[in-house]
PDB file of N, CA and C in Angstrom:
ATOM      1  N   MET A   1     -23.922   6.890 292.973  1.00  0.00           N
ATOM      2  CA  MET A   1     -23.769   7.380 294.519  1.00  0.00           C
ATOM      3  C   MET A   1     -25.236   7.423 294.782  1.00  0.00           C
ATOM      4  N   ALA A   2     -25.498   7.448 295.931  1.00  0.00           N
ATOM      5  CA  ALA A   2     -26.860   7.425 296.400  1.00  0.00           C
ATOM      6  C   ALA A   2     -26.616   8.244 297.983  1.00  0.00           C
ATOM      7  N   PHE A   3     -27.496   8.691 298.392  1.00  0.00           N
ATOM      8  CA  PHE A   3     -27.728   9.370 299.948  1.00  0.00           C
ATOM      9  C   PHE A   3     -28.456   8.538 300.928  1.00  0.00           C
ATOM     10  N   LEU A   4     -28.437   8.143 302.190  1.00  0.00           N
ATOM     11  CA  LEU A   4     -29.222   7.540 302.795  1.00  0.00           C
ATOM     12  C   LEU A   4     -29.428   8.705 303.803  1.00  0.00           C
ATOM     13  N   THR A   5     -30.383   9.170 304.405  1.00  0.00           N
ATOM     14  CA  THR A   5     -30.708   9.991 305.691  1.00  0.00           C
ATOM     15  C   THR A   5     -31.990   9.467 306.672  1.00  0.00           C
ATOM     16  N   ILE A   6     -31.476   9.108 307.612  1.00  0.00           N
ATOM     17  CA  ILE A   6     -32.237   8.717 308.917  1.00  0.00           C
ATOM     18  C   ILE A   6     -33.107   9.833 309.355  1.00  0.00           C
ATOM     19  N   PRO A   7     -34.115   9.733 310.145  1.00  0.00           N
ATOM     20  CA  PRO A   7     -34.959  10.897 310.771  1.00  0.00           C
ATOM     21  C   PRO A   7     -34.050  11.514 311.796  1.00  0.00           C
ATOM     22  N   ASN A   8     -33.131  11.251 312.304  1.00  0.00           N
ATOM     23  CA  ASN A   8     -32.118  12.204 313.155  1.00  0.00           C
ATOM     24  C   ASN A   8     -31.071  13.271 312.323  1.00  0.00           C
ATOM     25  N   GLY A   9     -31.329  13.044 311.110  1.00  0.00           N
ATOM     26  CA  GLY A   9     -30.432  13.606 310.500  1.00  0.00           C
ATOM     27  C   GLY A   9     -29.227  13.178 309.843  1.00  0.00           C
ATOM     28  N   THR A  10     -28.650  12.130 310.470  1.00  0.00           N
ATOM     29  CA  THR A  10     -27.317  11.654 309.817  1.00  0.00           C
ATOM     30  C   THR A  10     -27.423  11.173 308.251  1.00  0.00           C
ATOM     31  N   LYS A  11     -26.643  11.519 307.544  1.00  0.00           N
ATOM     32  CA  LYS A  11     -26.943  11.258 306.214  1.00  0.00           C
ATOM     33  C   LYS A  11     -25.513  10.488 305.816  1.00  0.00           C
ATOM     34  N   TRP A  12     -25.659   9.195 304.857  1.00  0.00           N
ATOM     35  CA  TRP A  12     -24.547   8.721 304.735  1.00  0.00           C
ATOM     36  C   TRP A  12     -24.629   8.445 303.035  1.00  0.00           C
ATOM     37  N   LYS A  13     -23.244   8.638 302.439  1.00  0.00           N
ATOM     38  CA  LYS A  13     -22.965   8.211 301.115  1.00  0.00           C
ATOM     39  C   LYS A  13     -22.890   6.968 300.901  1.00  0.00           C
ATOM     40  N   VAL A  14     -23.602   5.823 300.159  1.00  0.00           N
ATOM     41  CA  VAL A  14     -23.293   4.841 299.424  1.00  0.00           C
ATOM     42  C   VAL A  14     -23.273   4.338 298.032  1.00  0.00           C
ATOM     43  N   LYS A  15     -22.579   3.645 297.499  1.00  0.00           N
ATOM     44  CA  LYS A  15     -22.603   3.529 296.208  1.00  0.00           C
ATOM     45  C   LYS A  15     -23.610   2.768 295.654  1.00  0.00           C
ATOM     46  N   LEU A  16     -24.230   2.956 294.423  1.00  0.00           N
ATOM     47  CA  LEU A  16     -25.371   2.010 293.919  1.00  0.00           C
ATOM     48  C   LEU A  16     -24.826   0.809 292.773  1.00  0.00           C
ATOM     49  N   THR A  17     -24.875  -0.160 292.747  1.00  0.00           N
ATOM     50  CA  THR A  17     -24.660  -1.133 291.850  1.00  0.00           C
ATOM     51  C   THR A  17     -25.862  -2.104 291.433  1.00  0.00           C
ATOM     52  N   LYS A  18     -25.571  -2.683 289.990  1.00  0.00           N
ATOM     53  CA  LYS A  18     -26.600  -3.300 289.676  1.00  0.00           C
ATOM     54  C   LYS A  18     -26.051  -4.643 289.280  1.00  0.00           C
ATOM     55  N   ARG A  19     -26.653  -5.648 289.882  1.00  0.00           N
ATOM     56  CA  ARG A  19     -26.049  -6.913 290.044  1.00  0.00           C
ATOM     57  C   ARG A  19     -27.098  -7.914 289.555  1.00  0.00           C
ATOM     58  N   ASP A  20     -27.203  -8.795 288.354  1.00  0.00           N
ATOM     59  CA  ASP A  20     -28.375  -9.434 288.478  1.00  0.00           C
ATOM     60  C   ASP A  20     -29.626  -9.210 288.382  1.00  0.00           C
ATOM     61  N   GLY A  21     -29.831  -7.912 287.654  1.00  0.00           N
ATOM     62  CA  GLY A  21     -30.811  -7.377 287.466  1.00  0.00           C
ATOM     63  C   GLY A  21     -31.380  -6.376 288.481  1.00  0.00           C
ATOM     64  N   GLU A  22     -30.412  -6.497 289.852  1.00  0.00           N
ATOM     65  CA  GLU A  22     -31.098  -5.704 290.901  1.00  0.00           C
ATOM     66  C   GLU A  22     -30.238  -4.504 291.302  1.00  0.00           C
ATOM     67  N   VAL A  23     -30.589  -3.620 291.842  1.00  0.00           N
ATOM     68  CA  VAL A  23     -29.758  -2.614 292.386  1.00  0.00           C
ATOM     69  C   VAL A  23     -29.242  -2.793 293.766  1.00  0.00           C
ATOM     70  N   CYS A  24     -28.285  -2.845 294.148  1.00  0.00           N
ATOM     71  CA  CYS A  24     -27.536  -3.071 295.589  1.00  0.00           C
ATOM     72  C   CYS A  24     -26.935  -1.836 295.851  1.00  0.00           C
ATOM     73  N   PHE A  25     -26.881  -1.489 297.340  1.00  0.00           N
ATOM     74  CA  PHE A  25     -25.991  -0.565 297.970  1.00  0.00           C
ATOM     75  C   PHE A  25     -24.814  -1.422 298.238  1.00  0.00           C
ATOM     76  N   GLN A  26     -23.512  -0.816 298.113  1.00  0.00           N
ATOM     77  CA  GLN A  26     -21.929  -1.314 298.297  1.00  0.00           C
ATOM     78  C   GLN A  26     -21.452  -0.212 299.116  1.00  0.00           C
ATOM     79  N   ASN A  27     -20.318   0.176 298.908  1.00  0.00           N
ATOM     80  CA  ASN A  27     -19.391   0.938 299.480  1.00  0.00           C
ATOM     81  C   ASN A  27     -20.418   1.928 300.466  1.00  0.00           C
ATOM     82  N   GLY A  28     -19.838   1.908 301.387  1.00  0.00           N
ATOM     83  CA  GLY A  28     -20.545   2.842 302.465  1.00  0.00           C
ATOM     84  C   GLY A  28     -21.702   1.966 303.660  1.00  0.00           C
ATOM     85  N   TRP A  29     -22.335   1.074 302.690  1.00  0.00           N
ATOM     86  CA  TRP A  29     -23.651   0.410 303.361  1.00  0.00           C
ATOM     87  C   TRP A  29     -23.101  -0.369 304.652  1.00  0.00           C
ATOM     88  N   CYS A  30     -21.742  -1.136 304.708  1.00  0.00           N
ATOM     89  CA  CYS A  30     -21.405  -1.782 305.672  1.00  0.00           C
ATOM     90  C   CYS A  30     -21.322  -0.855 306.799  1.00  0.00           C
ATOM     91  N   GLU A  31     -20.678   0.275 306.838  1.00  0.00           N
ATOM     92  CA  GLU A  31     -20.508   1.404 307.499  1.00  0.00           C
ATOM     93  C   GLU A  31     -21.885   1.963 308.311  1.00  0.00           C
ATOM     94  N   PHE A  32     -22.660   1.994 307.401  1.00  0.00           N
ATOM     95  CA  PHE A  32     -24.082   2.369 307.698  1.00  0.00           C
ATOM     96  C   PHE A  32     -25.028   1.408 308.524  1.00  0.00           C
ATOM     97  N   ALA A  33     -24.618   0.151 308.240  1.00  0.00           N
ATOM     98  CA  ALA A  33     -25.473  -1.101 308.812  1.00  0.00           C
ATOM     99  C   ALA A  33     -24.590  -1.200 310.406  1.00  0.00           C
ATOM    100  N   SER A  34     -23.446  -1.052 310.232  1.00  0.00           N
ATOM    101  CA  SER A  34     -22.739  -1.142 311.666  1.00  0.00           C
ATOM    102  C   SER A  34     -23.058   0.124 312.652  1.00  0.00           C
ATOM    103  N   CYS A  35     -23.241   1.255 312.327  1.00  0.00           N
ATOM    104  CA  CYS A  35     -23.145   2.374 313.078  1.00  0.00           C
ATOM    105  C   CYS A  35     -24.394   2.395 313.563  1.00  0.00           C
ATOM    106  N   HIS A  36     -25.660   1.853 312.461  1.00  0.00           N
ATOM    107  CA  HIS A  36     -27.086   1.645 313.301  1.00  0.00           C
ATOM    108  C   HIS A  36     -27.302   0.125 313.781  1.00  0.00           C
ATOM    109  N   ALA A  37     -26.494  -0.383 313.906  1.00  0.00           N
ATOM    110  CA  ALA A  37     -26.625  -1.804 314.810  1.00  0.00           C
ATOM    111  C   ALA A  37     -27.745  -2.464 314.043  1.00  0.00           C
ATOM    112  N   LEU A  38     -28.089  -2.684 313.006  1.00  0.00           N
ATOM    113  CA  LEU A  38     -28.458  -3.083 312.057  1.00  0.00           C
ATOM    114  C   LEU A  38     -28.504  -5.102 311.770  1.00  0.00           C
ATOM    115  N   THR A  39     -29.551  -5.556 312.580  1.00  0.00           N
ATOM    116  CA  THR A  39     -29.596  -7.193 312.786  1.00  0.00           C
ATOM    117  C   THR A  39     -30.294  -7.751 312.245  1.00  0.00           C
ATOM    118  N   LEU A  40     -30.392  -9.046 312.032  1.00  0.00           N
ATOM    119  CA  LEU A  40     -31.598  -9.911 311.231  1.00  0.00           C
ATOM    120  C   LEU A  40     -32.817  -9.804 312.035  1.00  0.00           C
ATOM    121  N   GLY A  41     -33.694  -9.372 311.117  1.00  0.00           N
ATOM    122  CA  GLY A  41     -35.301  -8.931 311.777  1.00  0.00           C
ATOM    123  C   GLY A  41     -35.294  -7.695 311.774  1.00  0.00           C
ATOM    124  N   ASN A  42     -34.450  -6.731 311.581  1.00  0.00           N
ATOM    125  CA  ASN A  42     -34.746  -5.251 311.268  1.00  0.00           C
ATOM    126  C   ASN A  42     -35.334  -5.091 310.048  1.00  0.00           C
ATOM    127  N   LEU A  43     -36.254  -4.401 309.870  1.00  0.00           N
ATOM    128  CA  LEU A  43     -37.112  -3.654 308.805  1.00  0.00           C
ATOM    129  C   LEU A  43     -36.509  -2.267 308.470  1.00  0.00           C
ATOM    130  N   LEU A  44     -36.320  -2.226 307.001  1.00  0.00           N
ATOM    131  CA  LEU A  44     -35.951  -0.800 306.715  1.00  0.00           C
ATOM    132  C   LEU A  44     -36.931  -0.518 305.596  1.00  0.00           C
ATOM    133  N   VAL A  45     -37.518   0.806 305.748  1.00  0.00           N
ATOM    134  CA  VAL A  45     -38.160   1.524 304.825  1.00  0.00           C
ATOM    135  C   VAL A  45     -37.534   2.491 304.132  1.00  0.00           C
ATOM    136  N   PHE A  46     -37.568   2.515 302.864  1.00  0.00           N
ATOM    137  CA  PHE A  46     -36.777   3.670 302.053  1.00  0.00           C
ATOM    138  C   PHE A  46     -37.839   4.596 301.253  1.00  0.00           C
ATOM    139  N   ARG A  47     -38.005   5.601 301.456  1.00  0.00           N
ATOM    140  CA  ARG A  47     -38.668   6.322 300.847  1.00  0.00           C
ATOM    141  C   ARG A  47     -37.541   7.077 299.708  1.00  0.00           C
ATOM    142  N   TYR A  48     -38.154   7.124 298.285  1.00  0.00           N
ATOM    143  CA  TYR A  48     -37.004   7.757 297.654  1.00  0.00           C
ATOM    144  C   TYR A  48     -37.299   9.453 297.503  1.00  0.00           C
ATOM    145  N   GLU A  49     -36.173  10.231 297.413  1.00  0.00           N
ATOM    146  CA  GLU A  49     -36.718  11.534 297.416  1.00  0.00           C
ATOM    147  C   GLU A  49     -36.492  12.184 296.191  1.00  0.00           C
ATOM    148  N   GLY A  50     -35.745  11.647 295.378  1.00  0.00           N
ATOM    149  CA  GLY A  50     -35.322  12.039 294.177  1.00  0.00           C
ATOM    150  C   GLY A  50     -33.900  12.475 293.889  1.00  0.00           C
ATOM    151  N   ASN A  51     -33.299  12.523 292.816  1.00  0.00           N
ATOM    152  CA  ASN A  51     -31.889  12.999 292.841  1.00  0.00           C
ATOM    153  C   ASN A  51     -30.902  11.776 293.638  1.00  0.00           C
ATOM    154  N   SER A  52     -31.166  10.350 293.593  1.00  0.00           N
ATOM    155  CA  SER A  52     -30.363   9.516 294.378  1.00  0.00           C
ATOM    156  C   SER A  52     -30.649   9.549 296.006  1.00  0.00           C
ATOM    157  N   GLU A  53     -31.346  10.482 296.440  1.00  0.00           N
ATOM    158  CA  GLU A  53     -31.523  10.567 297.600  1.00  0.00           C
ATOM    159  C   GLU A  53     -32.588   9.577 298.259  1.00  0.00           C
ATOM    160  N   PHE A  54     -32.271   8.687 299.170  1.00  0.00           N
ATOM    161  CA  PHE A  54     -33.738   8.089 300.241  1.00  0.00           C
ATOM    162  C   PHE A  54     -33.517   8.683 301.544  1.00  0.00           C
ATOM    163  N   PHE A  55     -34.874   8.198 302.203  1.00  0.00           N
ATOM    164  CA  PHE A  55     -35.064   8.850 303.660  1.00  0.00           C
ATOM    165  C   PHE A  55     -35.570   7.539 304.064  1.00  0.00           C
ATOM    166  N   VAL A  56     -34.651   6.868 305.321  1.00  0.00           N
ATOM    167  CA  VAL A  56     -34.658   5.600 305.663  1.00  0.00           C
ATOM    168  C   VAL A  56     -35.130   5.539 307.052  1.00  0.00           C
ATOM    169  N   PHE A  57     -36.223   4.834 307.115  1.00  0.00           N
ATOM    170  CA  PHE A  57     -37.065   4.601 308.609  1.00  0.00           C
ATOM    171  C   PHE A  57     -36.609   3.144 308.969  1.00  0.00           C
ATOM    172  N   ILE A  58     -36.048   2.832 310.309  1.00  0.00           N
ATOM    173  CA  ILE A  58     -35.571   1.601 310.730  1.00  0.00           C
ATOM    174  C   ILE A  58     -36.273   1.300 311.742  1.00  0.00           C
ATOM    175  N   PHE A  59     -36.878   0.049 311.611  1.00  0.00           N
ATOM    176  CA  PHE A  59     -37.477  -0.603 312.873  1.00  0.00           C
ATOM    177  C   PHE A  59     -36.916  -1.967 313.248  1.00  0.00           C
ATOM    178  N   ASP A  60     -37.429  -2.387 314.436  1.00  0.00           N
ATOM    179  CA  ASP A  60     -36.592  -3.200 315.080  1.00  0.00           C
ATOM    180  C   ASP A  60     -37.483  -4.704 315.003  1.00  0.00           C
ATOM    181  N   ALA A  61     -37.351  -5.635 315.343  1.00  0.00           N
ATOM    182  CA  ALA A  61     -37.852  -6.736 315.024  1.00  0.00           C
ATOM    183  C   ALA A  61     -39.465  -6.819 315.346  1.00  0.00           C
ATOM    184  N   THR A  62     -39.746  -6.014 316.467  1.00  0.00           N
ATOM    185  CA  THR A  62     -41.237  -6.078 316.960  1.00  0.00           C
ATOM    186  C   THR A  62     -41.774  -5.019 316.154  1.00  0.00           C
ATOM    187  N   ALA A  63     -41.070  -4.256 314.831  1.00  0.00           N
ATOM    188  CA  ALA A  63     -41.790  -3.535 313.976  1.00  0.00           C
ATOM    189  C   ALA A  63     -42.060  -2.188 314.664  1.00  0.00           C
ATOM    190  N   THR A  64     -41.282  -1.688 316.023  1.00  0.00           N
ATOM    191  CA  THR A  64     -40.898  -0.791 316.597  1.00  0.00           C
ATOM    192  C   THR A  64     -39.895   0.459 316.017  1.00  0.00           C
ATOM    193  N   LYS A  65     -40.469   1.608 315.278  1.00  0.00           N
ATOM    194  CA  LYS A  65     -39.179   2.548 315.011  1.00  0.00           C
ATOM    195  C   LYS A  65     -38.204   2.365 315.766  1.00  0.00           C
ATOM    196  N   ILE A  66     -36.971   2.685 315.621  1.00  0.00           N
ATOM    197  CA  ILE A  66     -35.656   2.989 316.216  1.00  0.00           C
ATOM    198  C   ILE A  66     -35.659   4.522 316.296  1.00  0.00           C
ATOM    199  N   ASP A  67     -35.203   5.118 317.427  1.00  0.00           N
ATOM    200  CA  ASP A  67     -35.155   6.382 317.033  1.00  0.00           C
ATOM    201  C   ASP A  67     -33.870   6.590 317.990  1.00  0.00           C
ATOM    202  N   TYR A  68     -32.942   7.144 316.845  1.00  0.00           N
ATOM    203  CA  TYR A  68     -31.336   7.321 317.140  1.00  0.00           C
ATOM    204  C   TYR A  68     -31.494   8.735 317.759  1.00  0.00           C
ATOM    205  N   PRO A  69     -29.943   9.148 318.622  1.00  0.00           N
ATOM    206  CA  PRO A  69     -29.913  10.317 318.908  1.00  0.00           C
ATOM    207  C   PRO A  69     -29.540  11.183 318.083  1.00  0.00           C
ATOM    208  N   VAL A  70     -30.202  12.507 317.999  1.00  0.00           N
ATOM    209  CA  VAL A  70     -29.787  13.625 317.089  1.00  0.00           C
ATOM    210  C   VAL A  70     -28.653  13.898 316.997  1.00  0.00           C
ATOM    211  N   ALA A  71     -27.802  13.727 315.696  1.00  0.00           N
ATOM    212  CA  ALA A  71     -26.298  13.732 315.523  1.00  0.00           C
ATOM    213  C   ALA A  71     -26.238  14.853 314.400  1.00  0.00           C
ATOM    214  N   GLU A  72     -25.071  14.985 314.214  1.00  0.00           N
ATOM    215  CA  GLU A  72     -24.852  16.216 313.448  1.00  0.00           C
ATOM    216  C   GLU A  72     -24.788  15.292 311.911  1.00  0.00           C
ATOM    217  N   VAL A  73     -24.833  16.240 310.865  1.00  0.00           N
ATOM    218  CA  VAL A  73     -24.751  15.451 309.144  1.00  0.00           C
ATOM    219  C   VAL A  73     -23.598  14.718 309.185  1.00  0.00           C
ATOM    220  N   GLN A  74     -23.686  13.440 308.937  1.00  0.00           N
ATOM    221  CA  GLN A  74     -22.486  12.653 308.633  1.00  0.00           C
ATOM    222  C   GLN A  74     -22.367  12.280 307.391  1.00  0.00           C
ATOM    223  N   VAL A  75     -21.573  12.426 306.410  1.00  0.00           N
ATOM    224  CA  VAL A  75     -21.731  11.592 304.932  1.00  0.00           C
ATOM    225  C   VAL A  75     -20.346  11.066 304.907  1.00  0.00           C
ATOM    226  N   SER A  76     -20.751   9.715 304.865  1.00  0.00           N
ATOM    227  CA  SER A  76     -19.564   8.930 304.903  1.00  0.00           C
ATOM    228  C   SER A  76     -18.602   8.698 303.599  1.00  0.00           C
ATOM    229  N   ARG A  77     -17.087   8.969 303.614  1.00  0.00           N
ATOM    230  CA  ARG A  77     -16.473   9.033 302.913  1.00  0.00           C
ATOM    231  C   ARG A  77     -16.056   7.740 301.713  1.00  0.00           C
ATOM    232  N   MET A  78     -16.296   8.288 300.434  1.00  0.00           N
ATOM    233  CA  MET A  78     -15.741   7.224 299.464  1.00  0.00           C
ATOM    234  C   MET A  78     -14.160   7.441 299.150  1.00  0.00           C
ATOM    235  N   GLU A  79     -14.047   6.001 298.372  1.00  0.00           N
ATOM    236  CA  GLU A  79     -12.422   5.888 297.970  1.00  0.00           C
ATOM    237  C   GLU A  79     -12.562   7.222 297.074  1.00  0.00           C
ATOM    238  N   ASP A  80     -10.997   7.663 296.800  1.00  0.00           N
ATOM    239  CA  ASP A  80     -11.109   8.842 295.679  1.00  0.00           C
ATOM    240  C   ASP A  80     -10.906   8.563 294.287  1.00  0.00           C
ATOM    241  N   ASN A  81     -10.763   6.975 294.370  1.00  0.00           N
ATOM    242  CA  ASN A  81     -10.529   6.548 292.976  1.00  0.00           C
ATOM    243  C   ASN A  81     -11.822   6.033 292.446  1.00  0.00           C
ATOM    244  N   GLU A  82     -12.986   6.098 293.275  1.00  0.00           N
ATOM    245  CA  GLU A  82     -14.378   5.612 292.849  1.00  0.00           C
ATOM    246  C   GLU A  82     -15.055   7.163 292.167  1.00  0.00           C
ATOM    247  N   SER A  83     -15.853   6.695 291.035  1.00  0.00           N
ATOM    248  CA  SER A  83     -16.304   7.972 290.341  1.00  0.00           C
ATOM    249  C   SER A  83     -17.793   8.048 290.760  1.00  0.00           C
ATOM    250  N   ASP A  84     -18.240   9.280 290.371  1.00  0.00           N
ATOM    251  CA  ASP A  84     -19.438   9.361 291.197  1.00  0.00           C
ATOM    252  C   ASP A  84     -20.478   9.438 289.964  1.00  0.00           C
ATOM    253  N   ASP A  85     -21.678   8.496 290.190  1.00  0.00           N
ATOM    254  CA  ASP A  85     -22.352   8.560 289.397  1.00  0.00           C
ATOM    255  C   ASP A  85     -23.862   9.129 289.770  1.00  0.00           C
ATOM    256  N   ASN A  86     -24.619  10.244 289.311  1.00  0.00           N
ATOM    257  CA  ASN A  86     -25.867  10.896 290.108  1.00  0.00           C
ATOM    258  C   ASN A  86     -26.932   9.941 289.489  1.00  0.00           C
ATOM    259  N   SER A  87     -26.737   9.035 288.654  1.00  0.00           N
ATOM    260  CA  SER A  87     -27.927   8.433 288.045  1.00  0.00           C
ATOM    261  C   SER A  87     -28.654   7.208 288.995  1.00  0.00           C
ATOM    262  N   LEU A  88     -29.904   6.792 289.017  1.00  0.00           N
ATOM    263  CA  LEU A  88     -30.397   5.857 289.801  1.00  0.00           C
ATOM    264  C   LEU A  88     -31.520   5.183 288.744  1.00  0.00           C
ATOM    265  N   GLU A  89     -31.581   3.970 289.043  1.00  0.00           N
ATOM    266  CA  GLU A  89     -32.654   3.251 288.167  1.00  0.00           C
ATOM    267  C   GLU A  89     -33.671   2.801 288.928  1.00  0.00           C
ATOM    268  N   ILE A  90     -34.775   3.017 288.699  1.00  0.00           N
ATOM    269  CA  ILE A  90     -36.021   2.547 289.619  1.00  0.00           C
ATOM    270  C   ILE A  90     -36.588   1.275 289.112  1.00  0.00           C
ATOM    271  N   MET A  91     -36.876   0.155 290.078  1.00  0.00           N
ATOM    272  CA  MET A  91     -36.964  -0.884 289.550  1.00  0.00           C
ATOM    273  C   MET A  91     -38.291  -0.820 289.115  1.00  0.00           C
ATOM    274  N   ASP A  92     -38.498  -1.978 288.281  1.00  0.00           N
ATOM    275  CA  ASP A  92     -40.180  -2.202 288.260  1.00  0.00           C
ATOM    276  C   ASP A  92     -41.206  -2.283 289.137  1.00  0.00           C
ATOM    277  N   GLY A  93     -42.334  -1.874 289.468  1.00  0.00           N
ATOM    278  CA  GLY A  93     -43.248  -1.770 290.410  1.00  0.00           C
ATOM    279  C   GLY A  93     -42.915  -0.875 291.466  1.00  0.00           C
ATOM    280  N   PHE A  94     -41.885  -0.210 291.529  1.00  0.00           N
ATOM    281  CA  PHE A  94     -41.637   0.818 292.545  1.00  0.00           C
ATOM    282  C   PHE A  94     -42.312   2.202 292.319  1.00  0.00           C
ATOM    283  N   MET A  95     -43.216   2.372 293.239  1.00  0.00           N
ATOM    284  CA  MET A  95     -43.921   3.680 292.913  1.00  0.00           C
ATOM    285  C   MET A  95     -43.700   4.593 294.233  1.00  0.00           C
ATOM    286  N   PRO A  96     -42.878   5.956 294.003  1.00  0.00           N
ATOM    287  CA  PRO A  96     -42.436   6.509 295.189  1.00  0.00           C
ATOM    288  C   PRO A  96     -43.726   7.510 295.566  1.00  0.00           C
ATOM    289  N   SER A  97     -43.825   7.460 296.864  1.00  0.00           N
ATOM    290  CA  SER A  97     -44.986   8.379 297.463  1.00  0.00           C
ATOM    291  C   SER A  97     -45.045   9.726 297.525  1.00  0.00           C
TER     292      SER A  97
END
């Protein structure tokens, strides 16, 4: 599991999986993308905060940061039958700031 937080405080729970040597977001990602109206050309910058927590900045196709309205903290729900895994693999060449 991982948590994605955007600057307005909205927080989403997503599942991390490893496929073909890469780490991917799955369960919860589609809801995150839909809620934030992500489209081709958007740029997302992920800052790893530790403990499977990411702070996400979202930019439009002109590289302008998108500011979403302030919202109550929301954590998307996972299926009850999915296990929690609090581990995260950092890919080669990634250095958190």
